[in-house]
PDB file of N, CA and C in Angstrom:
ATOM      1  N   UNK A   1     -16.096  96.305 -35.420  1.00  0.00           N
ATOM      2  CA  UNK A   1     -15.301  97.639 -36.054  1.00  0.00           C
ATOM      3  C   UNK A   1     -13.744  97.113 -36.552  1.00  0.00           C
ATOM      4  N   UNK A   2     -13.321  96.103 -35.940  1.00  0.00           N
ATOM      5  CA  UNK A   2     -11.822  95.784 -36.589  1.00  0.00           C
ATOM      6  C   UNK A   2     -11.975  95.059 -37.884  1.00  0.00           C
ATOM      7  N   UNK A   3     -13.246  94.200 -37.966  1.00  0.00           N
ATOM      8  CA  UNK A   3     -13.799  93.584 -39.206  1.00  0.00           C
ATOM      9  C   UNK A   3     -13.701  94.858 -40.170  1.00  0.00           C
ATOM     10  N   UNK A   4     -14.323  95.718 -40.078  1.00  0.00           N
ATOM     11  CA  UNK A   4     -14.564  96.926 -40.978  1.00  0.00           C
ATOM     12  C   UNK A   4     -13.428  97.747 -41.316  1.00  0.00           C
ATOM     13  N   UNK A   5     -12.482  97.587 -40.307  1.00  0.00           N
ATOM     14  CA  UNK A   5     -10.879  98.487 -40.558  1.00  0.00           C
ATOM     15  C   UNK A   5     -10.553  97.345 -41.545  1.00  0.00           C
ATOM     16  N   UNK A   6     -10.112  96.218 -41.164  1.00  0.00           N
ATOM     17  CA  UNK A   6      -9.385  95.374 -42.182  1.00  0.00           C
ATOM     18  C   UNK A   6     -10.101  95.236 -43.515  1.00  0.00           C
ATOM     19  N   UNK A   7     -11.300  95.387 -43.551  1.00  0.00           N
ATOM     20  CA  UNK A   7     -11.672  94.993 -44.951  1.00  0.00           C
ATOM     21  C   UNK A   7     -11.753  96.268 -45.855  1.00  0.00           C
ATOM     22  N   UNK A   8     -11.830  97.437 -45.110  1.00  0.00           N
ATOM     23  CA  UNK A   8     -11.008  98.603 -45.755  1.00  0.00           C
ATOM     24  C   UNK A   8      -9.675  98.679 -46.170  1.00  0.00           C
ATOM     25  N   UNK A   9      -8.943  98.338 -45.452  1.00  0.00           N
ATOM     26  CA  UNK A   9      -7.450  98.221 -45.717  1.00  0.00           C
ATOM     27  C   UNK A   9      -7.166  96.971 -46.824  1.00  0.00           C
ATOM     28  N   UNK A  10      -7.752  96.055 -46.433  1.00  0.00           N
ATOM     29  CA  UNK A  10      -7.363  95.087 -47.629  1.00  0.00           C
ATOM     30  C   UNK A  10      -8.363  94.920 -48.655  1.00  0.00           C
ATOM     31  N   UNK A  11      -9.642  95.421 -48.643  1.00  0.00           N
ATOM     32  CA  UNK A  11     -10.522  95.322 -49.544  1.00  0.00           C
ATOM     33  C   UNK A  11     -10.429  95.934 -51.028  1.00  0.00           C
ATOM     34  N   UNK A  12      -9.697  97.030 -50.636  1.00  0.00           N
ATOM     35  CA  UNK A  12      -9.430  97.977 -51.818  1.00  0.00           C
ATOM     36  C   UNK A  12      -8.584  97.178 -52.832  1.00  0.00           C
ATOM     37  N   UNK A  13      -8.828  97.296 -54.254  1.00  0.00           N
ATOM     38  CA  UNK A  13      -8.214  96.527 -55.295  1.00  0.00           C
ATOM     39  C   UNK A  13      -8.344  94.977 -55.436  1.00  0.00           C
ATOM     40  N   UNK A  14      -9.365  94.651 -54.450  1.00  0.00           N
ATOM     41  CA  UNK A  14      -9.953  93.424 -54.713  1.00  0.00           C
ATOM     42  C   UNK A  14     -10.908  93.193 -55.836  1.00  0.00           C
ATOM     43  N   UNK A  15     -10.595  92.118 -56.703  1.00  0.00           N
ATOM     44  CA  UNK A  15     -11.693  91.945 -57.702  1.00  0.00           C
ATOM     45  C   UNK A  15     -12.938  92.147 -57.743  1.00  0.00           C
ATOM     46  N   UNK A  16     -13.626  92.953 -58.551  1.00  0.00           N
ATOM     47  CA  UNK A  16     -15.017  93.103 -58.372  1.00  0.00           C
ATOM     48  C   UNK A  16     -15.668  92.243 -59.304  1.00  0.00           C
ATOM     49  N   UNK A  17     -16.685  91.558 -58.404  1.00  0.00           N
ATOM     50  CA  UNK A  17     -17.329  90.559 -59.638  1.00  0.00           C
ATOM     51  C   UNK A  17     -18.239  91.542 -60.211  1.00  0.00           C
ATOM     52  N   UNK A  18     -18.907  91.103 -61.516  1.00  0.00           N
ATOM     53  CA  UNK A  18     -19.721  91.611 -62.250  1.00  0.00           C
ATOM     54  C   UNK A  18     -19.157  92.477 -63.397  1.00  0.00           C
ATOM     55  N   UNK A  19     -17.815  92.699 -63.376  1.00  0.00           N
ATOM     56  CA  UNK A  19     -17.389  93.677 -64.608  1.00  0.00           C
ATOM     57  C   UNK A  19     -17.603  93.148 -65.789  1.00  0.00           C
ATOM     58  N   UNK A  20     -17.744  93.821 -66.763  1.00  0.00           N
ATOM     59  CA  UNK A  20     -18.320  93.544 -68.040  1.00  0.00           C
ATOM     60  C   UNK A  20     -17.035  92.953 -68.988  1.00  0.00           C
ATOM     61  N   UNK A  21     -17.056  91.964 -69.739  1.00  0.00           N
ATOM     62  CA  UNK A  21     -16.019  91.350 -70.340  1.00  0.00           C
ATOM     63  C   UNK A  21     -16.292  92.562 -71.704  1.00  0.00           C
ATOM     64  N   UNK A  22     -14.696  92.747 -72.075  1.00  0.00           N
ATOM     65  CA  UNK A  22     -14.933  93.356 -73.685  1.00  0.00           C
ATOM     66  C   UNK A  22     -14.806  92.599 -74.661  1.00  0.00           C
ATOM     67  N   UNK A  23     -14.545  93.215 -75.732  1.00  0.00           N
ATOM     68  CA  UNK A  23     -14.698  92.522 -77.157  1.00  0.00           C
ATOM     69  C   UNK A  23     -13.481  91.683 -77.078  1.00  0.00           C
ATOM     70  N   UNK A  24     -13.724  90.279 -77.417  1.00  0.00           N
ATOM     71  CA  UNK A  24     -12.582  89.247 -77.328  1.00  0.00           C
ATOM     72  C   UNK A  24     -11.775  89.737 -78.797  1.00  0.00           C
ATOM     73  N   UNK A  25     -10.457  89.368 -78.512  1.00  0.00           N
ATOM     74  CA  UNK A  25      -9.417  89.700 -79.704  1.00  0.00           C
ATOM     75  C   UNK A  25      -8.698  88.213 -79.727  1.00  0.00           C
ATOM     76  N   UNK A  26      -8.822  87.792 -81.342  1.00  0.00           N
ATOM     77  CA  UNK A  26      -8.074  86.284 -81.482  1.00  0.00           C
ATOM     78  C   UNK A  26      -6.764  86.832 -81.747  1.00  0.00           C
ATOM     79  N   UNK A  27      -5.725  85.849 -81.054  1.00  0.00           N
ATOM     80  CA  UNK A  27      -4.226  86.171 -81.157  1.00  0.00           C
ATOM     81  C   UNK A  27      -3.643  84.796 -81.129  1.00  0.00           C
ATOM     82  N   UNK A  28      -3.336  84.029 -82.317  1.00  0.00           N
ATOM     83  CA  UNK A  28      -2.223  82.879 -82.460  1.00  0.00           C
ATOM     84  C   UNK A  28      -2.998  81.880 -81.886  1.00  0.00           C
ATOM     85  N   UNK A  29      -4.628  81.593 -82.200  1.00  0.00           N
ATOM     86  CA  UNK A  29      -5.484  80.725 -81.791  1.00  0.00           C
ATOM     87  C   UNK A  29      -5.905  80.641 -80.258  1.00  0.00           C
ATOM     88  N   UNK A  30      -5.708  82.044 -79.793  1.00  0.00           N
ATOM     89  CA  UNK A  30      -6.151  82.261 -78.199  1.00  0.00           C
ATOM     90  C   UNK A  30      -7.069  83.326 -78.512  1.00  0.00           C
ATOM     91  N   UNK A  31      -8.096  83.427 -77.307  1.00  0.00           N
ATOM     92  CA  UNK A  31      -8.904  84.779 -77.339  1.00  0.00           C
ATOM     93  C   UNK A  31      -8.589  85.323 -76.181  1.00  0.00           C
ATOM     94  N   UNK A  32      -8.262  86.687 -76.306  1.00  0.00           N
ATOM     95  CA  UNK A  32      -8.018  87.545 -75.514  1.00  0.00           C
ATOM     96  C   UNK A  32      -9.158  88.596 -74.969  1.00  0.00           C
ATOM     97  N   UNK A  33     -10.056  88.261 -73.762  1.00  0.00           N
ATOM     98  CA  UNK A  33     -10.877  88.838 -73.470  1.00  0.00           C
ATOM     99  C   UNK A  33     -10.567  90.096 -72.391  1.00  0.00           C
ATOM    100  N   UNK A  34     -10.734  91.305 -72.705  1.00  0.00           N
ATOM    101  CA  UNK A  34     -10.499  92.043 -71.412  1.00  0.00           C
ATOM    102  C   UNK A  34     -11.538  92.158 -70.573  1.00  0.00           C
ATOM    103  N   UNK A  35     -11.192  92.413 -69.459  1.00  0.00           N
ATOM    104  CA  UNK A  35     -12.555  92.623 -68.294  1.00  0.00           C
ATOM    105  C   UNK A  35     -11.880  93.662 -67.231  1.00  0.00           C
ATOM    106  N   UNK A  36     -12.003  94.873 -67.749  1.00  0.00           N
ATOM    107  CA  UNK A  36     -11.109  95.959 -67.020  1.00  0.00           C
ATOM    108  C   UNK A  36     -12.241  96.031 -65.561  1.00  0.00           C
ATOM    109  N   UNK A  37     -11.530  96.366 -64.432  1.00  0.00           N
ATOM    110  CA  UNK A  37     -12.144  96.280 -63.191  1.00  0.00           C
ATOM    111  C   UNK A  37     -12.175  98.073 -63.034  1.00  0.00           C
ATOM    112  N   UNK A  38     -13.285  98.500 -62.698  1.00  0.00           N
ATOM    113  CA  UNK A  38     -13.328  99.770 -62.160  1.00  0.00           C
ATOM    114  C   UNK A  38     -12.954 100.168 -60.696  1.00  0.00           C
ATOM    115  N   UNK A  39     -11.999 100.821 -61.046  1.00  0.00           N
ATOM    116  CA  UNK A  39     -11.451 101.095 -59.342  1.00  0.00           C
ATOM    117  C   UNK A  39     -11.627 102.622 -58.838  1.00  0.00           C
ATOM    118  N   UNK A  40     -13.197 102.994 -59.145  1.00  0.00           N
ATOM    119  CA  UNK A  40     -13.649 104.411 -58.558  1.00  0.00           C
ATOM    120  C   UNK A  40     -13.076 105.439 -59.722  1.00  0.00           C
ATOM    121  N   UNK A  41     -13.349 105.177 -60.670  1.00  0.00           N
ATOM    122  CA  UNK A  41     -12.973 106.058 -61.969  1.00  0.00           C
ATOM    123  C   UNK A  41     -11.751 105.559 -62.720  1.00  0.00           C
ATOM    124  N   UNK A  42     -10.828 105.044 -62.327  1.00  0.00           N
ATOM    125  CA  UNK A  42      -9.933 104.396 -63.060  1.00  0.00           C
ATOM    126  C   UNK A  42     -10.091 102.889 -63.316  1.00  0.00           C
ATOM    127  N   UNK A  43      -9.420 102.096 -64.116  1.00  0.00           N
ATOM    128  CA  UNK A  43      -9.487 100.916 -64.531  1.00  0.00           C
ATOM    129  C   UNK A  43      -8.197 100.102 -64.205  1.00  0.00           C
ATOM    130  N   UNK A  44      -8.473  98.736 -63.594  1.00  0.00           N
ATOM    131  CA  UNK A  44      -7.244  97.848 -63.510  1.00  0.00           C
ATOM    132  C   UNK A  44      -7.540  96.680 -64.620  1.00  0.00           C
ATOM    133  N   UNK A  45      -6.008  96.666 -65.166  1.00  0.00           N
ATOM    134  CA  UNK A  45      -5.922  95.957 -66.190  1.00  0.00           C
ATOM    135  C   UNK A  45      -6.220  94.327 -65.885  1.00  0.00           C
ATOM    136  N   UNK A  46      -7.299  93.603 -66.399  1.00  0.00           N
ATOM    137  CA  UNK A  46      -7.547  92.410 -66.074  1.00  0.00           C
ATOM    138  C   UNK A  46      -8.496  91.810 -67.185  1.00  0.00           C
ATOM    139  N   UNK A  47      -8.270  90.634 -67.425  1.00  0.00           N
ATOM    140  CA  UNK A  47      -9.339  89.654 -68.146  1.00  0.00           C
ATOM    141  C   UNK A  47      -9.010  88.318 -68.324  1.00  0.00           C
ATOM    142  N   UNK A  48      -9.065  87.593 -69.321  1.00  0.00           N
ATOM    143  CA  UNK A  48      -8.986  86.336 -69.506  1.00  0.00           C
ATOM    144  C   UNK A  48      -8.282  85.979 -70.847  1.00  0.00           C
ATOM    145  N   UNK A  49      -7.434  85.108 -70.779  1.00  0.00           N
ATOM    146  CA  UNK A  49      -6.707  84.060 -72.056  1.00  0.00           C
ATOM    147  C   UNK A  49      -7.501  83.241 -72.085  1.00  0.00           C
ATOM    148  N   UNK A  50      -8.084  82.746 -73.130  1.00  0.00           N
ATOM    149  CA  UNK A  50      -8.706  81.537 -73.505  1.00  0.00           C
ATOM    150  C   UNK A  50      -8.045  80.855 -74.555  1.00  0.00           C
ATOM    151  N   UNK A  51      -8.421  79.522 -74.739  1.00  0.00           N
ATOM    152  CA  UNK A  51      -8.037  78.624 -75.856  1.00  0.00           C
ATOM    153  C   UNK A  51      -8.894  77.283 -75.919  1.00  0.00           C
ATOM    154  N   UNK A  52      -9.695  77.447 -77.106  1.00  0.00           N
ATOM    155  CA  UNK A  52     -10.571  76.595 -77.566  1.00  0.00           C
ATOM    156  C   UNK A  52      -9.848  75.045 -77.604  1.00  0.00           C
ATOM    157  N   UNK A  53     -10.408  74.068 -77.113  1.00  0.00           N
ATOM    158  CA  UNK A  53     -10.108  72.766 -77.224  1.00  0.00           C
ATOM    159  C   UNK A  53     -10.815  71.921 -77.767  1.00  0.00           C
ATOM    160  N   UNK A  54     -10.332  71.200 -79.066  1.00  0.00           N
ATOM    161  CA  UNK A  54     -11.473  70.216 -79.559  1.00  0.00           C
ATOM    162  C   UNK A  54     -12.573  70.629 -80.180  1.00  0.00           C
ATOM    163  N   UNK A  55     -13.495  69.695 -80.527  1.00  0.00           N
ATOM    164  CA  UNK A  55     -14.888  70.013 -81.217  1.00  0.00           C
ATOM    165  C   UNK A  55     -15.817  70.239 -80.230  1.00  0.00           C
ATOM    166  N   UNK A  56     -15.514  69.529 -78.951  1.00  0.00           N
ATOM    167  CA  UNK A  56     -16.660  69.720 -77.881  1.00  0.00           C
ATOM    168  C   UNK A  56     -16.950  71.052 -77.384  1.00  0.00           C
ATOM    169  N   UNK A  57     -16.339  72.213 -77.751  1.00  0.00           N
ATOM    170  CA  UNK A  57     -16.450  73.757 -77.163  1.00  0.00           C
ATOM    171  C   UNK A  57     -15.790  73.675 -75.899  1.00  0.00           C
ATOM    172  N   UNK A  58     -14.940  72.696 -75.371  1.00  0.00           N
ATOM    173  CA  UNK A  58     -14.274  73.274 -73.878  1.00  0.00           C
ATOM    174  C   UNK A  58     -13.186  74.129 -74.420  1.00  0.00           C
ATOM    175  N   UNK A  59     -13.244  75.199 -73.427  1.00  0.00           N
ATOM    176  CA  UNK A  59     -12.147  76.457 -73.217  1.00  0.00           C
ATOM    177  C   UNK A  59     -11.250  76.253 -72.195  1.00  0.00           C
ATOM    178  N   UNK A  60      -9.879  76.122 -72.605  1.00  0.00           N
ATOM    179  CA  UNK A  60      -8.862  76.565 -71.118  1.00  0.00           C
ATOM    180  C   UNK A  60      -8.947  77.792 -71.160  1.00  0.00           C
ATOM    181  N   UNK A  61      -8.899  78.109 -69.593  1.00  0.00           N
ATOM    182  CA  UNK A  61      -8.977  79.629 -69.476  1.00  0.00           C
ATOM    183  C   UNK A  61      -7.704  79.870 -68.525  1.00  0.00           C
ATOM    184  N   UNK A  62      -7.140  81.062 -68.509  1.00  0.00           N
ATOM    185  CA  UNK A  62      -5.928  81.650 -67.607  1.00  0.00           C
ATOM    186  C   UNK A  62      -6.800  82.897 -67.223  1.00  0.00           C
ATOM    187  N   UNK A  63      -6.861  83.399 -65.813  1.00  0.00           N
ATOM    188  CA  UNK A  63      -7.497  84.640 -65.492  1.00  0.00           C
ATOM    189  C   UNK A  63      -5.913  85.598 -65.496  1.00  0.00           C
ATOM    190  N   UNK A  64      -6.140  86.436 -66.092  1.00  0.00           N
ATOM    191  CA  UNK A  64      -4.918  87.518 -66.344  1.00  0.00           C
ATOM    192  C   UNK A  64      -5.491  88.696 -65.407  1.00  0.00           C
ATOM    193  N   UNK A  65      -4.690  89.078 -64.453  1.00  0.00           N
ATOM    194  CA  UNK A  65      -4.433  90.313 -63.808  1.00  0.00           C
ATOM    195  C   UNK A  65      -3.353  91.142 -63.347  1.00  0.00           C
ATOM    196  N   UNK A  66      -3.533  92.122 -63.448  1.00  0.00           N
ATOM    197  CA  UNK A  66      -1.874  93.245 -63.335  1.00  0.00           C
ATOM    198  C   UNK A  66      -2.295  94.379 -62.383  1.00  0.00           C
ATOM    199  N   UNK A  67      -1.428  94.995 -61.677  1.00  0.00           N
ATOM    200  CA  UNK A  67      -1.653  95.932 -61.047  1.00  0.00           C
ATOM    201  C   UNK A  67      -1.641  97.337 -61.809  1.00  0.00           C
ATOM    202  N   UNK A  68      -1.544  97.346 -62.735  1.00  0.00           N
ATOM    203  CA  UNK A  68      -1.735  98.525 -63.483  1.00  0.00           C
ATOM    204  C   UNK A  68      -3.152  99.245 -63.570  1.00  0.00           C
ATOM    205  N   UNK A  69      -3.235 100.237 -63.145  1.00  0.00           N
ATOM    206  CA  UNK A  69      -4.200 101.096 -63.337  1.00  0.00           C
ATOM    207  C   UNK A  69      -4.353 102.121 -64.354  1.00  0.00           C
ATOM    208  N   UNK A  70      -5.424 102.687 -65.175  1.00  0.00           N
ATOM    209  CA  UNK A  70      -5.246 103.313 -66.372  1.00  0.00           C
ATOM    210  C   UNK A  70      -6.766 104.266 -66.204  1.00  0.00           C
ATOM    211  N   UNK A  71      -6.718 105.360 -66.615  1.00  0.00           N
ATOM    212  CA  UNK A  71      -8.060 106.247 -66.670  1.00  0.00           C
ATOM    213  C   UNK A  71      -8.853 106.104 -67.365  1.00  0.00           C
ATOM    214  N   UNK A  72      -9.041 105.149 -68.456  1.00  0.00           N
ATOM    215  CA  UNK A  72      -9.995 104.823 -69.362  1.00  0.00           C
ATOM    216  C   UNK A  72     -10.216 103.739 -69.501  1.00  0.00           C
ATOM    217  N   UNK A  73     -11.391 103.304 -69.760  1.00  0.00           N
ATOM    218  CA  UNK A  73     -11.853 101.812 -70.067  1.00  0.00           C
ATOM    219  C   UNK A  73     -11.243 101.113 -71.568  1.00  0.00           C
ATOM    220  N   UNK A  74     -11.146 102.064 -72.435  1.00  0.00           N
ATOM    221  CA  UNK A  74     -10.556 101.835 -73.941  1.00  0.00           C
ATOM    222  C   UNK A  74      -9.139 101.563 -73.595  1.00  0.00           C
ATOM    223  N   UNK A  75      -8.572 102.591 -73.069  1.00  0.00           N
ATOM    224  CA  UNK A  75      -6.807 102.375 -72.845  1.00  0.00           C
ATOM    225  C   UNK A  75      -6.641 100.988 -71.897  1.00  0.00           C
ATOM    226  N   UNK A  76      -7.374 100.950 -70.994  1.00  0.00           N
ATOM    227  CA  UNK A  76      -7.181  99.752 -70.419  1.00  0.00           C
ATOM    228  C   UNK A  76      -7.475  98.549 -70.982  1.00  0.00           C
ATOM    229  N   UNK A  77      -8.391  98.230 -71.856  1.00  0.00           N
ATOM    230  CA  UNK A  77      -8.555  97.395 -72.602  1.00  0.00           C
ATOM    231  C   UNK A  77      -7.446  96.935 -73.458  1.00  0.00           C
ATOM    232  N   UNK A  78      -7.146  97.918 -74.170  1.00  0.00           N
ATOM    233  CA  UNK A  78      -6.059  97.825 -75.236  1.00  0.00           C
ATOM    234  C   UNK A  78      -4.358  97.646 -74.354  1.00  0.00           C
ATOM    235  N   UNK A  79      -4.142  98.300 -73.273  1.00  0.00           N
ATOM    236  CA  UNK A  79      -2.983  97.831 -72.510  1.00  0.00           C
ATOM    237  C   UNK A  79      -3.412  96.157 -72.231  1.00  0.00           C
ATOM    238  N   UNK A  80      -4.323  95.771 -71.885  1.00  0.00           N
ATOM    239  CA  UNK A  80      -4.663  94.319 -71.298  1.00  0.00           C
ATOM    240  C   UNK A  80      -4.292  93.484 -72.469  1.00  0.00           C
ATOM    241  N   UNK A  81      -4.537  93.820 -73.825  1.00  0.00           N
ATOM    242  CA  UNK A  81      -4.578  92.737 -74.861  1.00  0.00           C
ATOM    243  C   UNK A  81      -2.921  92.861 -75.350  1.00  0.00           C
ATOM    244  N   UNK A  82      -2.246  93.939 -75.208  1.00  0.00           N
ATOM    245  CA  UNK A  82      -1.023  93.937 -75.598  1.00  0.00           C
ATOM    246  C   UNK A  82      -0.083  93.546 -74.348  1.00  0.00           C
ATOM    247  N   UNK A  83      -0.452  93.313 -73.133  1.00  0.00           N
ATOM    248  CA  UNK A  83       0.249  92.387 -72.465  1.00  0.00           C
ATOM    249  C   UNK A  83       0.055  91.009 -72.322  1.00  0.00           C
ATOM    250  N   UNK A  84      -1.388  90.766 -72.808  1.00  0.00           N
ATOM    251  CA  UNK A  84      -1.655  89.241 -72.835  1.00  0.00           C
ATOM    252  C   UNK A  84      -0.757  88.749 -74.111  1.00  0.00           C
ATOM    253  N   UNK A  85      -0.868  89.319 -75.242  1.00  0.00           N
ATOM    254  CA  UNK A  85      -0.036  88.944 -76.377  1.00  0.00           C
ATOM    255  C   UNK A  85       1.342  88.470 -76.090  1.00  0.00           C
ATOM    256  N   UNK A  86       2.125  89.429 -75.343  1.00  0.00           N
ATOM    257  CA  UNK A  86       3.386  89.351 -75.002  1.00  0.00           C
ATOM    258  C   UNK A  86       3.276  88.117 -73.716  1.00  0.00           C
ATOM    259  N   UNK A  87       2.437  87.633 -73.154  1.00  0.00           N
ATOM    260  CA  UNK A  87       2.542  86.627 -72.120  1.00  0.00           C
ATOM    261  C   UNK A  87       2.307  85.293 -73.150  1.00  0.00           C
ATOM    262  N   UNK A  88       1.562  85.367 -74.074  1.00  0.00           N
ATOM    263  CA  UNK A  88       1.283  84.401 -74.967  1.00  0.00           C
ATOM    264  C   UNK A  88       2.442  83.973 -75.740  1.00  0.00           C
ATOM    265  N   UNK A  89       3.137  84.932 -76.127  1.00  0.00           N
ATOM    266  CA  UNK A  89       4.326  84.882 -76.875  1.00  0.00           C
ATOM    267  C   UNK A  89       5.534  84.124 -75.900  1.00  0.00           C
ATOM    268  N   UNK A  90       5.425  84.444 -74.847  1.00  0.00           N
ATOM    269  CA  UNK A  90       6.391  84.046 -74.015  1.00  0.00           C
ATOM    270  C   UNK A  90       6.309  82.670 -73.433  1.00  0.00           C
ATOM    271  N   UNK A  91       4.882  82.224 -72.795  1.00  0.00           N
ATOM    272  CA  UNK A  91       4.542  81.137 -72.317  1.00  0.00           C
ATOM    273  C   UNK A  91       3.544  80.014 -73.173  1.00  0.00           C
ATOM    274  N   UNK A  92       3.084  80.552 -74.062  1.00  0.00           N
ATOM    275  CA  UNK A  92       2.310  79.966 -74.815  1.00  0.00           C
ATOM    276  C   UNK A  92       1.230  78.952 -74.074  1.00  0.00           C
ATOM    277  N   UNK A  93       0.955  77.448 -74.395  1.00  0.00           N
ATOM    278  CA  UNK A  93       0.198  76.807 -73.566  1.00  0.00           C
ATOM    279  C   UNK A  93       0.561  76.625 -72.186  1.00  0.00           C
ATOM    280  N   UNK A  94       1.584  76.767 -71.804  1.00  0.00           N
ATOM    281  CA  UNK A  94       2.084  76.542 -70.369  1.00  0.00           C
ATOM    282  C   UNK A  94       1.283  77.465 -69.430  1.00  0.00           C
ATOM    283  N   UNK A  95       0.717  78.484 -70.070  1.00  0.00           N
ATOM    284  CA  UNK A  95      -0.296  79.349 -69.228  1.00  0.00           C
ATOM    285  C   UNK A  95      -1.225  78.727 -68.410  1.00  0.00           C
ATOM    286  N   UNK A  96      -1.993  77.556 -69.138  1.00  0.00           N
ATOM    287  CA  UNK A  96      -2.875  76.637 -68.383  1.00  0.00           C
ATOM    288  C   UNK A  96      -2.387  75.564 -67.554  1.00  0.00           C
ATOM    289  N   UNK A  97      -0.879  75.373 -67.460  1.00  0.00           N
ATOM    290  CA  UNK A  97      -0.605  74.484 -66.609  1.00  0.00           C
ATOM    291  C   UNK A  97      -0.986  74.724 -65.163  1.00  0.00           C
ATOM    292  N   UNK A  98      -1.238  73.919 -64.220  1.00  0.00           N
ATOM    293  CA  UNK A  98      -1.712  74.279 -62.660  1.00  0.00           C
ATOM    294  C   UNK A  98      -0.193  74.213 -62.060  1.00  0.00           C
ATOM    295  N   UNK A  99      -0.272  75.343 -61.316  1.00  0.00           N
ATOM    296  CA  UNK A  99       0.814  75.695 -60.539  1.00  0.00           C
ATOM    297  C   UNK A  99       0.834  74.930 -59.170  1.00  0.00           C
TER     298      UNK A  99
END
């Protein structure tokens, strides 16, 4: 019972696996890939920032998650892209540095 209570308290808002990726957007050599998470009728801003490396097809990836929740998938994807563009402008390749 305690496990169920704790999972109910802390399980909400946890990333849902299997969220479909949106259409990638190219920006300054990066790929911004929205992956809005359905939170029961609203969508949480999340996705990936990727950058191709070399000719071997290797990709650098940064998981992008925010607490913003919006009522529509399209609006969520648009907000994710604009926030990711701002983050790219501010941090560039430092996004991929291990913390």
